Amino acid sequence: MTGVQAAIPRVSFADLERWPEDGRRYELYDGEVYVVPSPIPLHQIVSARLYLALEEHTRAYGGVVLYAPLDIVLTDFDVVQPDLIVFTRDRQHLIDPRKVIRHAPDLAIEILSPSTSANDRGRKMQLLARHRVKEYWLVDPDGVTIEVYRLSGERFVLEGTARGGEPVRSTLLPELHLRPCDLSDSSH
């Protein structure tokens, strides 16, 4: 007797929109559902400070910065919610404040945690590269680092890692003044 494997139906963004609101964040990878765990306070502190730094930058140089929860619909079966995203000045017109975003951002940022790190460094990173996100940052609040990845062909390559008081160097946002140590309290 051979085993029978039941086919799990792919979930689309339209399916997700019909689900009752349950307070969870969901992402789709080729129709496979991934439940995003709730963040801890340190994550939210880092996210808020990062948002403020990026908001100050976009006010001065143009563009728009947004934060999760916010669906980025790359295809009907690929939907992600990066912690923060940036559309630069020349692409901010792609955002309609009253509609879901169906364009890849210029920059996607993930704040690492033990429960999301493998996904953030794996399939999410690959998916964002496939959809031509120009830069991808991985922020490690415990290690006090920001890894900056730049799109090269169809994959991300590590452009540099800022540690502690070192400035982040971004090709996409060259005027940005940001250090990893500014994002969290040393008491945490």
N, C-alpha and C. Protein backbone atom coordinates (compact mmCIF):
# COMPACT_ATOMS: atom_id res chain seq x y z
N MET A 1 0.84 -1.18 0.00
CA MET A 1 0.00 0.00 0.00
C MET A 1 0.88 1.24 0.00
N THR A 2 0.60 2.13 -0.88
CA THR A 2 1.36 3.38 -0.96
C THR A 2 0.65 4.47 -0.17
N GLY A 3 1.47 5.34 0.41
CA GLY A 3 0.90 6.46 1.16
C GLY A 3 0.29 7.48 0.23
N VAL A 4 -0.71 8.13 0.72
CA VAL A 4 -1.38 9.18 -0.04
C VAL A 4 -1.08 10.51 0.63
N GLN A 5 -0.60 11.43 -0.17
CA GLN A 5 -0.32 12.75 0.37
C GLN A 5 -1.40 13.70 -0.13
N ALA A 6 -2.10 14.30 0.80
CA ALA A 6 -3.16 15.24 0.44
C ALA A 6 -2.53 16.54 -0.05
N ALA A 7 -3.04 17.02 -1.14
CA ALA A 7 -2.56 18.30 -1.67
C ALA A 7 -3.12 19.44 -0.83
N ILE A 8 -2.23 20.29 -0.38
CA ILE A 8 -2.67 21.45 0.39
C ILE A 8 -2.92 22.58 -0.60
N PRO A 9 -4.14 23.11 -0.62
CA PRO A 9 -4.43 24.16 -1.59
C PRO A 9 -3.62 25.43 -1.31
N ARG A 10 -3.20 26.07 -2.38
CA ARG A 10 -2.48 27.33 -2.25
C ARG A 10 -3.46 28.41 -1.81
N VAL A 11 -3.00 29.28 -0.97
CA VAL A 11 -3.80 30.40 -0.48
C VAL A 11 -3.38 31.64 -1.26
N SER A 12 -4.35 32.41 -1.72
CA SER A 12 -4.07 33.64 -2.46
C SER A 12 -4.31 34.85 -1.56
N PHE A 13 -3.88 36.02 -2.03
CA PHE A 13 -4.15 37.24 -1.29
C PHE A 13 -5.65 37.47 -1.17
N ALA A 14 -6.40 37.16 -2.22
CA ALA A 14 -7.86 37.30 -2.17
C ALA A 14 -8.44 36.41 -1.07
N ASP A 15 -7.90 35.20 -0.92
CA ASP A 15 -8.34 34.32 0.17
C ASP A 15 -8.05 34.96 1.53
N LEU A 16 -6.83 35.48 1.68
CA LEU A 16 -6.45 36.12 2.94
C LEU A 16 -7.39 37.27 3.30
N GLU A 17 -7.77 38.05 2.31
CA GLU A 17 -8.65 39.19 2.56
C GLU A 17 -10.01 38.75 3.09
N ARG A 18 -10.42 37.53 2.77
CA ARG A 18 -11.72 37.02 3.23
C ARG A 18 -11.66 36.41 4.63
N TRP A 19 -10.46 36.16 5.13
CA TRP A 19 -10.34 35.57 6.46
C TRP A 19 -10.78 36.59 7.51
N PRO A 20 -11.41 36.12 8.58
CA PRO A 20 -11.79 37.05 9.65
C PRO A 20 -10.55 37.62 10.34
N GLU A 21 -10.62 38.85 10.75
CA GLU A 21 -9.50 39.49 11.44
C GLU A 21 -9.29 38.78 12.78
N ASP A 22 -8.07 38.29 13.00
CA ASP A 22 -7.79 37.57 14.24
C ASP A 22 -6.59 38.12 15.00
N GLY A 23 -6.09 39.28 14.55
CA GLY A 23 -4.97 39.91 15.22
C GLY A 23 -3.60 39.37 14.83
N ARG A 24 -3.56 38.37 13.98
CA ARG A 24 -2.29 37.81 13.53
C ARG A 24 -1.85 38.47 12.24
N ARG A 25 -0.54 38.38 11.99
CA ARG A 25 0.01 38.84 10.71
C ARG A 25 0.36 37.61 9.89
N TYR A 26 -0.04 37.63 8.62
CA TYR A 26 0.21 36.49 7.73
C TYR A 26 1.04 36.94 6.54
N GLU A 27 1.92 36.05 6.09
CA GLU A 27 2.64 36.22 4.84
C GLU A 27 2.37 35.00 3.98
N LEU A 28 2.50 35.17 2.67
CA LEU A 28 2.34 34.06 1.73
C LEU A 28 3.61 33.89 0.93
N TYR A 29 4.05 32.65 0.82
CA TYR A 29 5.19 32.30 -0.01
C TYR A 29 4.72 31.22 -0.97
N ASP A 30 4.51 31.61 -2.22
CA ASP A 30 3.97 30.70 -3.23
C ASP A 30 2.69 30.02 -2.73
N GLY A 31 1.87 30.80 -2.05
CA GLY A 31 0.59 30.29 -1.56
C GLY A 31 0.64 29.56 -0.24
N GLU A 32 1.84 29.38 0.32
CA GLU A 32 1.98 28.74 1.63
C GLU A 32 1.90 29.82 2.71
N VAL A 33 1.07 29.58 3.71
CA VAL A 33 0.84 30.57 4.77
C VAL A 33 1.94 30.50 5.82
N TYR A 34 2.45 31.66 6.18
CA TYR A 34 3.42 31.80 7.26
C TYR A 34 2.85 32.79 8.26
N VAL A 35 2.70 32.37 9.52
CA VAL A 35 2.20 33.25 10.57
C VAL A 35 3.39 33.98 11.18
N VAL A 36 3.33 35.31 11.13
CA VAL A 36 4.41 36.13 11.68
C VAL A 36 4.20 36.27 13.18
N PRO A 37 5.17 35.85 13.99
CA PRO A 37 5.01 35.96 15.44
C PRO A 37 4.91 37.42 15.90
N SER A 38 4.23 37.63 17.01
CA SER A 38 4.14 38.98 17.58
C SER A 38 5.52 39.43 18.06
N PRO A 39 5.83 40.70 17.87
CA PRO A 39 7.14 41.20 18.29
C PRO A 39 7.22 41.42 19.80
N ILE A 40 8.46 41.43 20.30
CA ILE A 40 8.70 41.75 21.71
C ILE A 40 8.97 43.25 21.82
N PRO A 41 8.96 43.81 23.04
CA PRO A 41 9.16 45.26 23.18
C PRO A 41 10.44 45.79 22.54
N LEU A 42 11.57 45.07 22.66
CA LEU A 42 12.82 45.55 22.05
C LEU A 42 12.65 45.73 20.55
N HIS A 43 11.99 44.80 19.91
CA HIS A 43 11.72 44.90 18.47
C HIS A 43 10.97 46.19 18.17
N GLN A 44 9.96 46.50 18.96
CA GLN A 44 9.14 47.69 18.71
C GLN A 44 9.92 48.97 18.98
N ILE A 45 10.79 48.97 19.98
CA ILE A 45 11.64 50.14 20.25
C ILE A 45 12.54 50.40 19.05
N VAL A 46 13.20 49.35 18.57
CA VAL A 46 14.10 49.48 17.42
C VAL A 46 13.32 49.91 16.18
N SER A 47 12.16 49.32 15.96
CA SER A 47 11.33 49.67 14.81
C SER A 47 10.93 51.14 14.85
N ALA A 48 10.50 51.62 16.00
CA ALA A 48 10.07 53.02 16.13
C ALA A 48 11.23 53.97 15.87
N ARG A 49 12.38 53.69 16.43
CA ARG A 49 13.53 54.58 16.23
C ARG A 49 14.02 54.55 14.79
N LEU A 50 14.00 53.39 14.19
CA LEU A 50 14.38 53.27 12.79
C LEU A 50 13.40 54.04 11.91
N TYR A 51 12.11 53.91 12.20
CA TYR A 51 11.09 54.66 11.46
C TYR A 51 11.35 56.16 11.57
N LEU A 52 11.61 56.66 12.77
CA LEU A 52 11.83 58.10 12.95
C LEU A 52 13.04 58.59 12.15
N ALA A 53 14.13 57.81 12.15
CA ALA A 53 15.32 58.19 11.38
C ALA A 53 15.02 58.20 9.88
N LEU A 54 14.30 57.19 9.41
CA LEU A 54 13.97 57.12 7.98
C LEU A 54 12.94 58.17 7.60
N GLU A 55 12.01 58.47 8.48
CA GLU A 55 11.01 59.50 8.21
C GLU A 55 11.68 60.87 8.09
N GLU A 56 12.63 61.14 8.97
CA GLU A 56 13.38 62.40 8.88
C GLU A 56 14.11 62.48 7.54
N HIS A 57 14.70 61.37 7.13
CA HIS A 57 15.42 61.33 5.85
C HIS A 57 14.48 61.55 4.67
N THR A 58 13.34 60.86 4.66
CA THR A 58 12.42 61.00 3.52
C THR A 58 11.78 62.39 3.48
N ARG A 59 11.60 63.02 4.62
CA ARG A 59 11.09 64.41 4.61
C ARG A 59 12.11 65.35 3.97
N ALA A 60 13.38 65.11 4.22
CA ALA A 60 14.43 65.97 3.68
C ALA A 60 14.75 65.67 2.22
N TYR A 61 14.71 64.40 1.83
CA TYR A 61 15.17 64.01 0.50
C TYR A 61 14.09 63.42 -0.39
N GLY A 62 12.88 63.31 0.11
CA GLY A 62 11.79 62.73 -0.67
C GLY A 62 11.68 61.23 -0.43
N GLY A 63 10.52 60.72 -0.77
CA GLY A 63 10.25 59.31 -0.57
C GLY A 63 9.24 59.12 0.54
N VAL A 64 8.96 57.87 0.83
CA VAL A 64 8.01 57.54 1.89
C VAL A 64 8.48 56.28 2.61
N VAL A 65 8.32 56.29 3.93
CA VAL A 65 8.65 55.12 4.75
C VAL A 65 7.36 54.65 5.43
N LEU A 66 7.15 53.34 5.44
CA LEU A 66 5.97 52.74 6.05
C LEU A 66 6.41 51.56 6.91
N TYR A 67 5.56 51.19 7.88
CA TYR A 67 5.91 50.11 8.79
C TYR A 67 4.78 49.09 8.91
N ALA A 68 5.15 47.89 9.36
CA ALA A 68 4.20 46.78 9.51
C ALA A 68 3.24 47.10 10.66
N PRO A 69 2.04 46.54 10.60
CA PRO A 69 1.55 45.59 9.60
C PRO A 69 1.07 46.30 8.33
N LEU A 70 1.56 45.84 7.20
CA LEU A 70 1.20 46.39 5.91
C LEU A 70 1.52 45.34 4.85
N ASP A 71 0.50 44.90 4.12
CA ASP A 71 0.72 43.88 3.09
C ASP A 71 1.41 44.47 1.87
N ILE A 72 2.45 43.78 1.41
CA ILE A 72 3.10 44.08 0.14
C ILE A 72 2.77 42.89 -0.76
N VAL A 73 1.90 43.11 -1.73
CA VAL A 73 1.42 42.03 -2.60
C VAL A 73 2.32 42.00 -3.83
N LEU A 74 3.23 41.04 -3.86
CA LEU A 74 4.16 40.92 -4.98
C LEU A 74 3.55 40.13 -6.12
N THR A 75 2.76 39.10 -5.78
CA THR A 75 1.95 38.35 -6.74
C THR A 75 0.71 37.92 -5.96
N ASP A 76 -0.23 37.28 -6.62
CA ASP A 76 -1.43 36.80 -5.92
C ASP A 76 -1.08 35.79 -4.83
N PHE A 77 0.08 35.13 -4.94
CA PHE A 77 0.45 34.08 -3.99
C PHE A 77 1.71 34.42 -3.18
N ASP A 78 2.23 35.62 -3.34
CA ASP A 78 3.42 36.07 -2.60
C ASP A 78 3.11 37.41 -1.94
N VAL A 79 2.93 37.38 -0.63
CA VAL A 79 2.57 38.58 0.13
C VAL A 79 3.46 38.62 1.37
N VAL A 80 4.15 39.74 1.57
CA VAL A 80 5.03 39.87 2.73
C VAL A 80 4.69 41.13 3.51
N GLN A 81 5.15 41.16 4.75
CA GLN A 81 4.99 42.32 5.62
C GLN A 81 6.33 42.65 6.27
N PRO A 82 7.26 43.25 5.51
CA PRO A 82 8.52 43.64 6.14
C PRO A 82 8.27 44.59 7.31
N ASP A 83 9.20 44.63 8.24
CA ASP A 83 9.03 45.53 9.39
C ASP A 83 8.95 46.98 8.95
N LEU A 84 9.78 47.38 8.00
CA LEU A 84 9.73 48.72 7.42
C LEU A 84 10.03 48.63 5.94
N ILE A 85 9.47 49.56 5.19
CA ILE A 85 9.78 49.66 3.76
C ILE A 85 9.98 51.13 3.40
N VAL A 86 10.75 51.35 2.34
CA VAL A 86 10.97 52.70 1.82
C VAL A 86 10.77 52.68 0.32
N PHE A 87 10.00 53.64 -0.16
CA PHE A 87 9.92 53.94 -1.58
C PHE A 87 10.64 55.27 -1.75
N THR A 88 11.63 55.33 -2.63
CA THR A 88 12.37 56.56 -2.83
C THR A 88 11.54 57.58 -3.60
N ARG A 89 12.04 58.80 -3.65
CA ARG A 89 11.30 59.92 -4.26
C ARG A 89 10.81 59.58 -5.67
N ASP A 90 11.64 58.95 -6.49
CA ASP A 90 11.25 58.69 -7.88
C ASP A 90 10.24 57.56 -8.02
N ARG A 91 9.94 56.84 -6.92
CA ARG A 91 8.96 55.75 -7.01
C ARG A 91 7.80 55.90 -6.01
N GLN A 92 7.79 56.97 -5.25
CA GLN A 92 6.74 57.12 -4.24
C GLN A 92 5.36 57.28 -4.87
N HIS A 93 5.31 57.67 -6.13
CA HIS A 93 4.02 57.81 -6.83
C HIS A 93 3.31 56.46 -6.99
N LEU A 94 4.03 55.37 -6.80
CA LEU A 94 3.42 54.04 -6.92
C LEU A 94 2.50 53.70 -5.75
N ILE A 95 2.58 54.48 -4.70
CA ILE A 95 1.76 54.22 -3.51
C ILE A 95 0.49 55.05 -3.56
N ASP A 96 -0.64 54.37 -3.51
CA ASP A 96 -1.93 55.02 -3.34
C ASP A 96 -2.32 54.79 -1.88
N PRO A 97 -2.44 55.85 -1.09
CA PRO A 97 -2.71 55.67 0.34
C PRO A 97 -3.98 54.88 0.66
N ARG A 98 -4.86 54.74 -0.30
CA ARG A 98 -6.13 54.05 -0.05
C ARG A 98 -6.19 52.64 -0.65
N LYS A 99 -5.07 52.19 -1.19
CA LYS A 99 -5.05 50.86 -1.82
C LYS A 99 -3.86 50.05 -1.31
N VAL A 100 -3.99 48.74 -1.42
CA VAL A 100 -2.91 47.84 -1.04
C VAL A 100 -1.72 48.08 -1.98
N ILE A 101 -0.52 47.89 -1.46
CA ILE A 101 0.69 48.10 -2.26
C ILE A 101 0.96 46.85 -3.09
N ARG A 102 1.06 47.04 -4.39
CA ARG A 102 1.31 45.93 -5.31
C ARG A 102 2.62 46.13 -6.09
N HIS A 103 3.54 46.83 -5.47
CA HIS A 103 4.86 47.08 -6.06
C HIS A 103 5.92 46.78 -5.01
N ALA A 104 7.04 46.25 -5.46
CA ALA A 104 8.14 46.00 -4.54
C ALA A 104 8.72 47.34 -4.09
N PRO A 105 9.04 47.48 -2.81
CA PRO A 105 9.67 48.72 -2.35
C PRO A 105 11.12 48.79 -2.81
N ASP A 106 11.72 49.97 -2.66
CA ASP A 106 13.14 50.12 -2.95
C ASP A 106 13.99 49.50 -1.85
N LEU A 107 13.50 49.62 -0.61
CA LEU A 107 14.20 49.10 0.55
C LEU A 107 13.22 48.35 1.44
N ALA A 108 13.61 47.17 1.87
CA ALA A 108 12.85 46.41 2.86
C ALA A 108 13.77 46.14 4.04
N ILE A 109 13.22 46.28 5.25
CA ILE A 109 14.02 46.12 6.47
C ILE A 109 13.34 45.11 7.38
N GLU A 110 14.14 44.20 7.90
CA GLU A 110 13.66 43.24 8.90
C GLU A 110 14.49 43.38 10.17
N ILE A 111 13.80 43.40 11.30
CA ILE A 111 14.45 43.40 12.60
C ILE A 111 14.46 41.94 13.06
N LEU A 112 15.65 41.40 13.21
CA LEU A 112 15.80 39.98 13.48
C LEU A 112 15.37 39.60 14.90
N SER A 113 14.79 38.43 15.00
CA SER A 113 14.48 37.82 16.29
C SER A 113 14.70 36.32 16.11
N PRO A 114 14.88 35.59 17.20
CA PRO A 114 15.11 34.15 17.06
C PRO A 114 14.01 33.43 16.28
N SER A 115 12.77 33.89 16.41
CA SER A 115 11.66 33.18 15.75
C SER A 115 11.51 33.53 14.27
N THR A 116 12.13 34.62 13.80
CA THR A 116 11.96 35.01 12.40
C THR A 116 13.25 35.02 11.58
N SER A 117 14.37 34.88 12.23
CA SER A 117 15.67 35.03 11.56
C SER A 117 15.85 34.10 10.36
N ALA A 118 15.50 32.83 10.51
CA ALA A 118 15.68 31.87 9.41
C ALA A 118 14.84 32.27 8.21
N ASN A 119 13.61 32.69 8.43
CA ASN A 119 12.74 33.11 7.33
C ASN A 119 13.26 34.41 6.70
N ASP A 120 13.68 35.37 7.55
CA ASP A 120 14.16 36.66 7.04
C ASP A 120 15.44 36.50 6.22
N ARG A 121 16.28 35.56 6.59
CA ARG A 121 17.54 35.33 5.85
C ARG A 121 17.36 34.33 4.71
N GLY A 122 16.24 33.65 4.68
CA GLY A 122 16.01 32.61 3.69
C GLY A 122 15.00 33.01 2.64
N ARG A 123 13.81 32.44 2.75
CA ARG A 123 12.84 32.61 1.65
C ARG A 123 12.36 34.04 1.47
N LYS A 124 12.26 34.83 2.55
CA LYS A 124 11.85 36.23 2.35
C LYS A 124 12.91 36.99 1.57
N MET A 125 14.16 36.79 1.93
CA MET A 125 15.26 37.45 1.23
C MET A 125 15.28 37.07 -0.25
N GLN A 126 15.11 35.79 -0.54
CA GLN A 126 15.09 35.32 -1.92
C GLN A 126 13.91 35.90 -2.69
N LEU A 127 12.75 35.93 -2.05
CA LEU A 127 11.55 36.46 -2.70
C LEU A 127 11.71 37.94 -3.02
N LEU A 128 12.23 38.72 -2.08
CA LEU A 128 12.40 40.15 -2.31
C LEU A 128 13.43 40.41 -3.41
N ALA A 129 14.47 39.61 -3.47
CA ALA A 129 15.46 39.76 -4.55
C ALA A 129 14.82 39.44 -5.90
N ARG A 130 14.01 38.40 -5.93
CA ARG A 130 13.34 38.01 -7.18
C ARG A 130 12.43 39.13 -7.68
N HIS A 131 11.90 39.92 -6.76
CA HIS A 131 11.00 41.01 -7.14
C HIS A 131 11.70 42.36 -7.21
N ARG A 132 13.03 42.34 -7.24
CA ARG A 132 13.86 43.49 -7.56
C ARG A 132 13.87 44.59 -6.50
N VAL A 133 13.75 44.22 -5.23
CA VAL A 133 13.96 45.19 -4.15
C VAL A 133 15.44 45.57 -4.19
N LYS A 134 15.74 46.87 -4.19
CA LYS A 134 17.11 47.32 -4.40
C LYS A 134 18.03 47.07 -3.21
N GLU A 135 17.50 47.26 -2.00
CA GLU A 135 18.29 47.00 -0.80
C GLU A 135 17.43 46.28 0.24
N TYR A 136 18.12 45.47 1.03
CA TYR A 136 17.48 44.70 2.10
C TYR A 136 18.38 44.81 3.32
N TRP A 137 17.81 45.30 4.42
CA TRP A 137 18.58 45.45 5.65
C TRP A 137 18.11 44.44 6.68
N LEU A 138 19.06 43.85 7.38
CA LEU A 138 18.76 42.98 8.51
C LEU A 138 19.35 43.64 9.75
N VAL A 139 18.47 44.00 10.67
CA VAL A 139 18.85 44.70 11.88
C VAL A 139 18.86 43.70 13.03
N ASP A 140 19.99 43.59 13.71
CA ASP A 140 20.11 42.69 14.85
C ASP A 140 20.22 43.53 16.12
N PRO A 141 19.11 43.67 16.87
CA PRO A 141 19.15 44.51 18.06
C PRO A 141 20.05 43.95 19.16
N ASP A 142 20.20 42.64 19.22
CA ASP A 142 21.07 42.04 20.25
C ASP A 142 22.54 42.21 19.89
N GLY A 143 22.88 42.02 18.64
CA GLY A 143 24.26 42.18 18.19
C GLY A 143 24.62 43.61 17.86
N VAL A 144 23.64 44.50 17.89
CA VAL A 144 23.78 45.92 17.57
C VAL A 144 24.47 46.08 16.21
N THR A 145 23.88 45.43 15.20
CA THR A 145 24.40 45.52 13.83
C THR A 145 23.27 45.76 12.84
N ILE A 146 23.64 46.32 11.71
CA ILE A 146 22.75 46.44 10.56
C ILE A 146 23.52 45.93 9.35
N GLU A 147 23.02 44.85 8.76
CA GLU A 147 23.61 44.30 7.53
C GLU A 147 22.88 44.93 6.36
N VAL A 148 23.62 45.50 5.42
CA VAL A 148 23.03 46.12 4.23
C VAL A 148 23.34 45.23 3.03
N TYR A 149 22.27 44.72 2.41
CA TYR A 149 22.40 43.89 1.21
C TYR A 149 21.92 44.69 0.01
N ARG A 150 22.65 44.59 -1.08
CA ARG A 150 22.31 45.28 -2.32
C ARG A 150 21.97 44.24 -3.38
N LEU A 151 20.97 44.55 -4.19
CA LEU A 151 20.58 43.64 -5.26
C LEU A 151 21.66 43.60 -6.33
N SER A 152 22.05 42.39 -6.70
CA SER A 152 23.02 42.18 -7.77
C SER A 152 22.49 41.04 -8.61
N GLY A 153 22.01 41.37 -9.80
CA GLY A 153 21.36 40.35 -10.62
C GLY A 153 20.04 39.97 -9.99
N GLU A 154 19.92 38.69 -9.62
CA GLU A 154 18.68 38.22 -9.00
C GLU A 154 18.89 37.77 -7.56
N ARG A 155 19.95 38.29 -6.93
CA ARG A 155 20.18 37.93 -5.53
C ARG A 155 20.79 39.13 -4.79
N PHE A 156 20.73 39.04 -3.47
CA PHE A 156 21.33 40.08 -2.64
C PHE A 156 22.76 39.71 -2.30
N VAL A 157 23.64 40.73 -2.31
CA VAL A 157 25.01 40.55 -1.86
C VAL A 157 25.24 41.51 -0.69
N LEU A 158 25.99 41.06 0.28
CA LEU A 158 26.27 41.88 1.45
C LEU A 158 27.17 43.04 1.05
N GLU A 159 26.65 44.26 1.20
CA GLU A 159 27.41 45.46 0.87
C GLU A 159 28.25 45.91 2.06
N GLY A 160 27.75 45.66 3.26
CA GLY A 160 28.49 46.05 4.45
C GLY A 160 27.67 45.81 5.71
N THR A 161 28.38 45.79 6.82
CA THR A 161 27.73 45.63 8.12
C THR A 161 28.18 46.76 9.02
N ALA A 162 27.21 47.53 9.53
CA ALA A 162 27.51 48.58 10.50
C ALA A 162 27.36 47.98 11.89
N ARG A 163 28.36 48.23 12.74
CA ARG A 163 28.36 47.69 14.10
C ARG A 163 28.43 48.84 15.11
N GLY A 164 27.61 48.74 16.15
CA GLY A 164 27.68 49.71 17.24
C GLY A 164 27.56 51.15 16.77
N GLY A 165 28.64 51.91 16.92
CA GLY A 165 28.64 53.33 16.55
C GLY A 165 29.05 53.62 15.11
N GLU A 166 29.27 52.58 14.32
CA GLU A 166 29.63 52.79 12.91
C GLU A 166 28.41 53.23 12.11
N PRO A 167 28.60 54.13 11.15
CA PRO A 167 27.45 54.56 10.34
C PRO A 167 27.04 53.50 9.32
N VAL A 168 25.74 53.45 9.06
CA VAL A 168 25.21 52.60 8.00
C VAL A 168 25.59 53.23 6.67
N ARG A 169 26.08 52.42 5.76
CA ARG A 169 26.42 52.92 4.42
C ARG A 169 25.45 52.28 3.43
N SER A 170 24.63 53.14 2.83
CA SER A 170 23.60 52.68 1.90
C SER A 170 23.76 53.37 0.56
N THR A 171 23.85 52.59 -0.49
CA THR A 171 23.89 53.15 -1.84
C THR A 171 22.57 53.84 -2.16
N LEU A 172 21.49 53.26 -1.67
CA LEU A 172 20.15 53.78 -1.94
C LEU A 172 19.88 55.09 -1.21
N LEU A 173 20.36 55.20 0.03
CA LEU A 173 20.13 56.38 0.87
C LEU A 173 21.47 56.92 1.36
N PRO A 174 22.29 57.48 0.44
CA PRO A 174 23.65 57.87 0.82
C PRO A 174 23.71 59.00 1.86
N GLU A 175 22.66 59.82 1.95
CA GLU A 175 22.67 60.94 2.89
C GLU A 175 22.22 60.53 4.29
N LEU A 176 21.76 59.31 4.46
CA LEU A 176 21.23 58.86 5.75
C LEU A 176 22.33 58.80 6.81
N HIS A 177 22.03 59.37 7.97
CA HIS A 177 22.95 59.31 9.11
C HIS A 177 22.30 58.42 10.17
N LEU A 178 22.82 57.20 10.29
CA LEU A 178 22.22 56.22 11.19
C LEU A 178 23.30 55.28 11.70
N ARG A 179 23.27 55.00 13.00
CA ARG A 179 24.19 54.05 13.61
C ARG A 179 23.36 53.01 14.37
N PRO A 180 23.75 51.76 14.33
CA PRO A 180 22.99 50.73 15.05
C PRO A 180 22.80 51.04 16.54
N CYS A 181 23.80 51.64 17.17
CA CYS A 181 23.71 51.92 18.61
C CYS A 181 22.63 52.94 18.94
N ASP A 182 22.18 53.70 17.95
CA ASP A 182 21.13 54.70 18.18
C ASP A 182 19.73 54.09 18.23
N LEU A 183 19.62 52.81 17.92
CA LEU A 183 18.30 52.19 17.78
C LEU A 183 17.78 51.50 19.03
N SER A 184 18.65 51.22 19.99
CA SER A 184 18.17 50.57 21.21
C SER A 184 18.92 51.12 22.41
N ASP A 185 18.29 51.02 23.56
CA ASP A 185 18.93 51.46 24.80
C ASP A 185 19.97 50.45 25.23
N SER A 186 21.06 50.93 25.73
CA SER A 186 22.10 50.01 26.21
C SER A 186 21.64 49.25 27.45
N SER A 187 20.58 49.73 28.09
CA SER A 187 20.07 49.05 29.28
C SER A 187 19.30 47.78 28.94
N HIS A 188 19.00 47.55 27.65
CA HIS A 188 18.20 46.38 27.26
C HIS A 188 19.09 45.26 26.88
